[in-house]
Every structure is written in structure tokens, then in C-alpha cells.
């Protein structure tokens, strides 16, 4: 049964929360989805301001952090 996962982004000073999330069969599928959007996010974050190292934080439906992926700008 699919679960909902949320992709927040943070840089140590700011956190942008994902309120919508995505449906995935399991954590592996959610992480694959997260990796597929990192390149797009990296470009957008760099355009917004090159300061800071951003990280994509994956949360499950309970709000628990289940993964972290660096976003390279």
C-alpha cells in the first residue's frame, strides 16, 4: 500500500517544508523520486542565491526523517 513522503529542503538557516508530498510504494521508491528532482532543485536554489549548502530531507507520513540527500548547486 502506498505511503506519503515529503521532501523538505534546508540549508541550516532556513527550512522549506513540503506540504503536499508524494505517494510511493516504499522508502526506496521515495528516494528514487527525490533523486530525480534534485537537479531541478539545485538550479532553482542556485538562481535564488548561491549561499549555503542545501539538503533535501525526506520525511514519512508520521513526520519522521527517513533520508537526507545533498543538493549540489
PDB file of N, CA and C in Angstrom:
ATOM      1  N   UNK A   1       0.839  -1.173   0.000  1.00  0.00           N
ATOM      2  CA  UNK A   1       0.000   0.000   0.000  1.00  0.00           C
ATOM      3  C   UNK A   1       0.892   1.247   0.000  1.00  0.00           C
ATOM      4  N   UNK A   2       0.623   2.188  -0.886  1.00  0.00           N
ATOM      5  CA  UNK A   2       1.471   3.383  -0.970  1.00  0.00           C
ATOM      6  C   UNK A   2       1.432   4.208   0.315  1.00  0.00           C
ATOM      7  N   UNK A   3       2.536   4.866   0.578  1.00  0.00           N
ATOM      8  CA  UNK A   3       2.653   5.779   1.705  1.00  0.00           C
ATOM      9  C   UNK A   3       2.980   7.162   1.169  1.00  0.00           C
ATOM     10  N   UNK A   4       2.757   8.177   1.967  1.00  0.00           N
ATOM     11  CA  UNK A   4       3.078   9.545   1.563  1.00  0.00           C
ATOM     12  C   UNK A   4       4.423   9.930   2.166  1.00  0.00           C
ATOM     13  N   UNK A   5       5.264  10.544   1.329  1.00  0.00           N
ATOM     14  CA  UNK A   5       6.565  11.051   1.734  1.00  0.00           C
ATOM     15  C   UNK A   5       6.638  12.523   1.368  1.00  0.00           C
ATOM     16  N   UNK A   6       7.378  13.269   2.181  1.00  0.00           N
ATOM     17  CA  UNK A   6       7.505  14.717   1.995  1.00  0.00           C
ATOM     18  C   UNK A   6       8.960  15.080   1.786  1.00  0.00           C
ATOM     19  N   UNK A   7       9.214  16.015   0.871  1.00  0.00           N
ATOM     20  CA  UNK A   7      10.570  16.438   0.540  1.00  0.00           C
ATOM     21  C   UNK A   7      10.767  17.885   0.982  1.00  0.00           C
ATOM     22  N   UNK A   8      11.385  18.081   2.130  1.00  0.00           N
ATOM     23  CA  UNK A   8      11.714  19.419   2.609  1.00  0.00           C
ATOM     24  C   UNK A   8      13.117  19.766   2.122  1.00  0.00           C
ATOM     25  N   UNK A   9      13.410  21.054   2.027  1.00  0.00           N
ATOM     26  CA  UNK A   9      14.778  21.463   1.738  1.00  0.00           C
ATOM     27  C   UNK A   9      15.234  22.409   2.840  1.00  0.00           C
ATOM     28  N   UNK A  10      16.506  22.271   3.212  1.00  0.00           N
ATOM     29  CA  UNK A  10      17.044  23.115   4.283  1.00  0.00           C
ATOM     30  C   UNK A  10      18.506  23.420   4.022  1.00  0.00           C
ATOM     31  N   UNK A  11      18.970  24.526   4.626  1.00  0.00           N
ATOM     32  CA  UNK A  11      20.369  24.914   4.472  1.00  0.00           C
ATOM     33  C   UNK A  11      21.024  25.257   5.806  1.00  0.00           C
ATOM     34  N   UNK A  12      20.432  24.846   6.900  1.00  0.00           N
ATOM     35  CA  UNK A  12      20.977  25.141   8.208  1.00  0.00           C
ATOM     36  C   UNK A  12      20.396  26.411   8.816  1.00  0.00           C
ATOM     37  N   UNK A  13      19.920  27.316   7.977  1.00  0.00           N
ATOM     38  CA  UNK A  13      19.312  28.550   8.448  1.00  0.00           C
ATOM     39  C   UNK A  13      17.828  28.616   8.107  1.00  0.00           C
ATOM     40  N   UNK A  14      17.459  27.968   7.035  1.00  0.00           N
ATOM     41  CA  UNK A  14      16.088  28.043   6.528  1.00  0.00           C
ATOM     42  C   UNK A  14      15.617  26.646   6.146  1.00  0.00           C
ATOM     43  N   UNK A  15      14.346  26.362   6.419  1.00  0.00           N
ATOM     44  CA  UNK A  15      13.729  25.106   6.007  1.00  0.00           C
ATOM     45  C   UNK A  15      12.480  25.431   5.209  1.00  0.00           C
ATOM     46  N   UNK A  16      12.368  24.830   4.045  1.00  0.00           N
ATOM     47  CA  UNK A  16      11.173  24.977   3.216  1.00  0.00           C
ATOM     48  C   UNK A  16      10.449  23.639   3.261  1.00  0.00           C
ATOM     49  N   UNK A  17       9.283  23.634   3.889  1.00  0.00           N
ATOM     50  CA  UNK A  17       8.519  22.400   4.109  1.00  0.00           C
ATOM     51  C   UNK A  17       7.658  22.055   2.902  1.00  0.00           C
ATOM     52  N   UNK A  18       7.609  20.774   2.599  1.00  0.00           N
ATOM     53  CA  UNK A  18       6.745  20.238   1.546  1.00  0.00           C
ATOM     54  C   UNK A  18       5.423  19.843   2.192  1.00  0.00           C
ATOM     55  N   UNK A  19       4.377  20.575   1.894  1.00  0.00           N
ATOM     56  CA  UNK A  19       3.066  20.293   2.492  1.00  0.00           C
ATOM     57  C   UNK A  19       2.271  19.274   1.686  1.00  0.00           C
ATOM     58  N   UNK A  20       2.620  19.081   0.414  1.00  0.00           N
ATOM     59  CA  UNK A  20       1.853  18.190  -0.462  1.00  0.00           C
ATOM     60  C   UNK A  20       2.351  16.753  -0.415  1.00  0.00           C
ATOM     61  N   UNK A  21       3.647  16.558  -0.552  1.00  0.00           N
ATOM     62  CA  UNK A  21       4.216  15.218  -0.542  1.00  0.00           C
ATOM     63  C   UNK A  21       3.934  14.441  -1.813  1.00  0.00           C
ATOM     64  N   UNK A  22       4.440  13.210  -1.841  1.00  0.00           N
ATOM     65  CA  UNK A  22       4.230  12.305  -2.974  1.00  0.00           C
ATOM     66  C   UNK A  22       3.875  10.927  -2.434  1.00  0.00           C
ATOM     67  N   UNK A  23       3.150  10.172  -3.233  1.00  0.00           N
ATOM     68  CA  UNK A  23       2.835   8.784  -2.889  1.00  0.00           C
ATOM     69  C   UNK A  23       3.938   7.884  -3.449  1.00  0.00           C
ATOM     70  N   UNK A  24       4.401   6.932  -2.638  1.00  0.00           N
ATOM     71  CA  UNK A  24       5.402   5.966  -3.079  1.00  0.00           C
ATOM     72  C   UNK A  24       5.116   4.628  -2.397  1.00  0.00           C
ATOM     73  N   UNK A  25       5.507   3.559  -3.067  1.00  0.00           N
ATOM     74  CA  UNK A  25       5.276   2.220  -2.519  1.00  0.00           C
ATOM     75  C   UNK A  25       6.121   1.957  -1.275  1.00  0.00           C
ATOM     76  N   UNK A  26       7.345   2.532  -1.251  1.00  0.00           N
ATOM     77  CA  UNK A  26       8.237   2.321  -0.121  1.00  0.00           C
ATOM     78  C   UNK A  26       9.301   3.414  -0.101  1.00  0.00           C
ATOM     79  N   UNK A  27      10.189   3.345   0.880  1.00  0.00           N
ATOM     80  CA  UNK A  27      11.237   4.355   1.019  1.00  0.00           C
ATOM     81  C   UNK A  27      12.154   4.379  -0.192  1.00  0.00           C
ATOM     82  N   UNK A  28      12.491   3.221  -0.746  1.00  0.00           N
ATOM     83  CA  UNK A  28      13.378   3.172  -1.907  1.00  0.00           C
ATOM     84  C   UNK A  28      12.776   3.939  -3.085  1.00  0.00           C
ATOM     85  N   UNK A  29      11.487   3.768  -3.311  1.00  0.00           N
ATOM     86  CA  UNK A  29      10.822   4.490  -4.402  1.00  0.00           C
ATOM     87  C   UNK A  29      10.791   5.991  -4.098  1.00  0.00           C
ATOM     88  N   UNK A  30      10.560   6.361  -2.855  1.00  0.00           N
ATOM     89  CA  UNK A  30      10.541   7.771  -2.471  1.00  0.00           C
ATOM     90  C   UNK A  30      11.912   8.403  -2.676  1.00  0.00           C
ATOM     91  N   UNK A  31      12.981   7.685  -2.312  1.00  0.00           N
ATOM     92  CA  UNK A  31      14.337   8.212  -2.505  1.00  0.00           C
ATOM     93  C   UNK A  31      14.678   8.337  -3.986  1.00  0.00           C
ATOM     94  N   UNK A  32      14.217   7.398  -4.798  1.00  0.00           N
ATOM     95  CA  UNK A  32      14.440   7.490  -6.239  1.00  0.00           C
ATOM     96  C   UNK A  32      13.744   8.732  -6.804  1.00  0.00           C
ATOM     97  N   UNK A  33      12.537   8.992  -6.343  1.00  0.00           N
ATOM     98  CA  UNK A  33      11.800  10.189  -6.763  1.00  0.00           C
ATOM     99  C   UNK A  33      12.539  11.447  -6.310  1.00  0.00           C
ATOM    100  N   UNK A  34      13.048  11.422  -5.100  1.00  0.00           N
ATOM    101  CA  UNK A  34      13.794  12.573  -4.578  1.00  0.00           C
ATOM    102  C   UNK A  34      15.020  12.850  -5.434  1.00  0.00           C
ATOM    103  N   UNK A  35      15.744  11.809  -5.801  1.00  0.00           N
ATOM    104  CA  UNK A  35      16.939  11.994  -6.627  1.00  0.00           C
ATOM    105  C   UNK A  35      16.588  12.561  -8.000  1.00  0.00           C
ATOM    106  N   UNK A  36      15.421  12.204  -8.510  1.00  0.00           N
ATOM    107  CA  UNK A  36      15.037  12.664  -9.850  1.00  0.00           C
ATOM    108  C   UNK A  36      14.734  14.160  -9.890  1.00  0.00           C
ATOM    109  N   UNK A  37      14.423  14.772  -8.752  1.00  0.00           N
ATOM    110  CA  UNK A  37      14.114  16.203  -8.739  1.00  0.00           C
ATOM    111  C   UNK A  37      15.268  17.055  -8.209  1.00  0.00           C
ATOM    112  N   UNK A  38      16.338  16.432  -7.716  1.00  0.00           N
ATOM    113  CA  UNK A  38      17.433  17.196  -7.133  1.00  0.00           C
ATOM    114  C   UNK A  38      18.092  18.127  -8.155  1.00  0.00           C
ATOM    115  N   UNK A  39      18.317  17.673  -9.389  1.00  0.00           N
ATOM    116  CA  UNK A  39      18.964  18.530 -10.389  1.00  0.00           C
ATOM    117  C   UNK A  39      18.149  19.792 -10.636  1.00  0.00           C
ATOM    118  N   UNK A  40      16.839  19.643 -10.766  1.00  0.00           N
ATOM    119  CA  UNK A  40      15.962  20.798 -10.975  1.00  0.00           C
ATOM    120  C   UNK A  40      16.020  21.731  -9.769  1.00  0.00           C
ATOM    121  N   UNK A  41      15.955  21.168  -8.580  1.00  0.00           N
ATOM    122  CA  UNK A  41      16.005  21.985  -7.368  1.00  0.00           C
ATOM    123  C   UNK A  41      17.325  22.715  -7.247  1.00  0.00           C
ATOM    124  N   UNK A  42      18.418  22.053  -7.592  1.00  0.00           N
ATOM    125  CA  UNK A  42      19.739  22.662  -7.475  1.00  0.00           C
ATOM    126  C   UNK A  42      19.814  23.918  -8.324  1.00  0.00           C
ATOM    127  N   UNK A  43      19.318  23.864  -9.541  1.00  0.00           N
ATOM    128  CA  UNK A  43      19.322  25.033 -10.414  1.00  0.00           C
ATOM    129  C   UNK A  43      18.487  26.169  -9.857  1.00  0.00           C
ATOM    130  N   UNK A  44      17.324  25.847  -9.338  1.00  0.00           N
ATOM    131  CA  UNK A  44      16.447  26.867  -8.774  1.00  0.00           C
ATOM    132  C   UNK A  44      17.050  27.490  -7.526  1.00  0.00           C
ATOM    133  N   UNK A  45      17.644  26.689  -6.667  1.00  0.00           N
ATOM    134  CA  UNK A  45      18.233  27.213  -5.429  1.00  0.00           C
ATOM    135  C   UNK A  45      19.452  28.073  -5.726  1.00  0.00           C
ATOM    136  N   UNK A  46      20.256  27.667  -6.700  1.00  0.00           N
ATOM    137  CA  UNK A  46      21.433  28.450  -7.056  1.00  0.00           C
ATOM    138  C   UNK A  46      21.016  29.797  -7.632  1.00  0.00           C
ATOM    139  N   UNK A  47      19.951  29.809  -8.434  1.00  0.00           N
ATOM    140  CA  UNK A  47      19.456  31.060  -9.006  1.00  0.00           C
ATOM    141  C   UNK A  47      18.912  31.981  -7.917  1.00  0.00           C
ATOM    142  N   UNK A  48      18.319  31.403  -6.881  1.00  0.00           N
ATOM    143  CA  UNK A  48      17.751  32.193  -5.790  1.00  0.00           C
ATOM    144  C   UNK A  48      18.840  32.777  -4.898  1.00  0.00           C
ATOM    145  N   UNK A  49      19.954  32.140  -4.850  1.00  0.00           N
ATOM    146  CA  UNK A  49      21.060  32.615  -4.016  1.00  0.00           C
ATOM    147  C   UNK A  49      22.052  31.502  -3.792  1.00  0.00           C
ATOM    148  N   UNK A  50      23.292  31.703  -4.183  1.00  0.00           N
ATOM    149  CA  UNK A  50      24.283  30.617  -4.115  1.00  0.00           C
ATOM    150  C   UNK A  50      24.806  30.320  -2.717  1.00  0.00           C
ATOM    151  N   UNK A  51      24.345  31.062  -1.716  1.00  0.00           N
ATOM    152  CA  UNK A  51      24.863  30.873  -0.362  1.00  0.00           C
ATOM    153  C   UNK A  51      24.308  29.615   0.290  1.00  0.00           C
ATOM    154  N   UNK A  52      25.176  28.911   0.978  1.00  0.00           N
ATOM    155  CA  UNK A  52      24.733  27.779   1.776  1.00  0.00           C
ATOM    156  C   UNK A  52      24.623  26.487   1.010  1.00  0.00           C
ATOM    157  N   UNK A  53      24.815  25.397   1.731  1.00  0.00           N
ATOM    158  CA  UNK A  53      24.662  24.063   1.164  1.00  0.00           C
ATOM    159  C   UNK A  53      23.253  23.581   1.506  1.00  0.00           C
ATOM    160  N   UNK A  54      22.498  23.238   0.511  1.00  0.00           N
ATOM    161  CA  UNK A  54      21.117  22.789   0.708  1.00  0.00           C
ATOM    162  C   UNK A  54      21.064  21.276   0.780  1.00  0.00           C
ATOM    163  N   UNK A  55      20.121  20.777   1.554  1.00  0.00           N
ATOM    164  CA  UNK A  55      19.889  19.348   1.714  1.00  0.00           C
ATOM    165  C   UNK A  55      18.409  19.060   1.517  1.00  0.00           C
ATOM    166  N   UNK A  56      18.113  17.984   0.802  1.00  0.00           N
ATOM    167  CA  UNK A  56      16.738  17.523   0.661  1.00  0.00           C
ATOM    168  C   UNK A  56      16.490  16.523   1.789  1.00  0.00           C
ATOM    169  N   UNK A  57      15.499  16.814   2.624  1.00  0.00           N
ATOM    170  CA  UNK A  57      15.170  15.966   3.773  1.00  0.00           C
ATOM    171  C   UNK A  57      13.873  15.232   3.458  1.00  0.00           C
ATOM    172  N   UNK A  58      13.915  13.911   3.519  1.00  0.00           N
ATOM    173  CA  UNK A  58      12.745  13.083   3.227  1.00  0.00           C
ATOM    174  C   UNK A  58      12.087  12.697   4.544  1.00  0.00           C
ATOM    175  N   UNK A  59      10.796  13.029   4.664  1.00  0.00           N
ATOM    176  CA  UNK A  59      10.019  12.659   5.854  1.00  0.00           C
ATOM    177  C   UNK A  59       8.931  11.672   5.446  1.00  0.00           C
ATOM    178  N   UNK A  60       8.588  10.770   6.363  1.00  0.00           N
ATOM    179  CA  UNK A  60       7.467   9.859   6.104  1.00  0.00           C
ATOM    180  C   UNK A  60       6.168  10.495   6.598  1.00  0.00           C
ATOM    181  N   UNK A  61       5.080   9.752   6.507  1.00  0.00           N
ATOM    182  CA  UNK A  61       3.755  10.281   6.854  1.00  0.00           C
ATOM    183  C   UNK A  61       3.649  10.685   8.325  1.00  0.00           C
ATOM    184  N   UNK A  62       4.497  10.120   9.181  1.00  0.00           N
ATOM    185  CA  UNK A  62       4.463  10.477  10.600  1.00  0.00           C
ATOM    186  C   UNK A  62       5.287  11.724  10.897  1.00  0.00           C
ATOM    187  N   UNK A  63       6.047  12.180   9.901  1.00  0.00           N
ATOM    188  CA  UNK A  63       6.908  13.336  10.095  1.00  0.00           C
ATOM    189  C   UNK A  63       8.339  12.973  10.442  1.00  0.00           C
ATOM    190  N   UNK A  64       8.624  11.682  10.579  1.00  0.00           N
ATOM    191  CA  UNK A  64       9.978  11.234  10.910  1.00  0.00           C
ATOM    192  C   UNK A  64      10.903  11.385   9.701  1.00  0.00           C
ATOM    193  N   UNK A  65      12.123  11.857   9.947  1.00  0.00           N
ATOM    194  CA  UNK A  65      13.115  11.975   8.882  1.00  0.00           C
ATOM    195  C   UNK A  65      13.612  10.573   8.540  1.00  0.00           C
ATOM    196  N   UNK A  66      13.497  10.201   7.248  1.00  0.00           N
ATOM    197  CA  UNK A  66      13.902   8.868   6.820  1.00  0.00           C
ATOM    198  C   UNK A  66      15.026   8.911   5.792  1.00  0.00           C
ATOM    199  N   UNK A  67      15.444  10.103   5.390  1.00  0.00           N
ATOM    200  CA  UNK A  67      16.548  10.218   4.449  1.00  0.00           C
ATOM    201  C   UNK A  67      16.988  11.656   4.273  1.00  0.00           C
ATOM    202  N   UNK A  68      18.253  11.829   3.911  1.00  0.00           N
ATOM    203  CA  UNK A  68      18.814  13.151   3.610  1.00  0.00           C
ATOM    204  C   UNK A  68      19.692  13.005   2.382  1.00  0.00           C
ATOM    205  N   UNK A  69      19.498  13.917   1.422  1.00  0.00           N
ATOM    206  CA  UNK A  69      20.280  13.898   0.191  1.00  0.00           C
ATOM    207  C   UNK A  69      20.816  15.300  -0.056  1.00  0.00           C
ATOM    208  N   UNK A  70      22.134  15.452  -0.314  1.00  0.00           N
ATOM    209  CA  UNK A  70      22.673  16.781  -0.603  1.00  0.00           C
ATOM    210  C   UNK A  70      22.191  17.280  -1.959  1.00  0.00           C
ATOM    211  N   UNK A  71      21.956  18.587  -2.034  1.00  0.00           N
ATOM    212  CA  UNK A  71      21.579  19.227  -3.291  1.00  0.00           C
ATOM    213  C   UNK A  71      22.768  20.070  -3.710  1.00  0.00           C
ATOM    214  N   UNK A  72      23.394  19.681  -4.802  1.00  0.00           N
ATOM    215  CA  UNK A  72      24.579  20.399  -5.267  1.00  0.00           C
ATOM    216  C   UNK A  72      24.181  21.466  -6.271  1.00  0.00           C
ATOM    217  N   UNK A  73      24.544  22.699  -5.982  1.00  0.00           N
ATOM    218  CA  UNK A  73      24.217  23.815  -6.866  1.00  0.00           C
ATOM    219  C   UNK A  73      25.277  24.101  -7.868  1.00  0.00           C
TER     220      UNK A  73
END
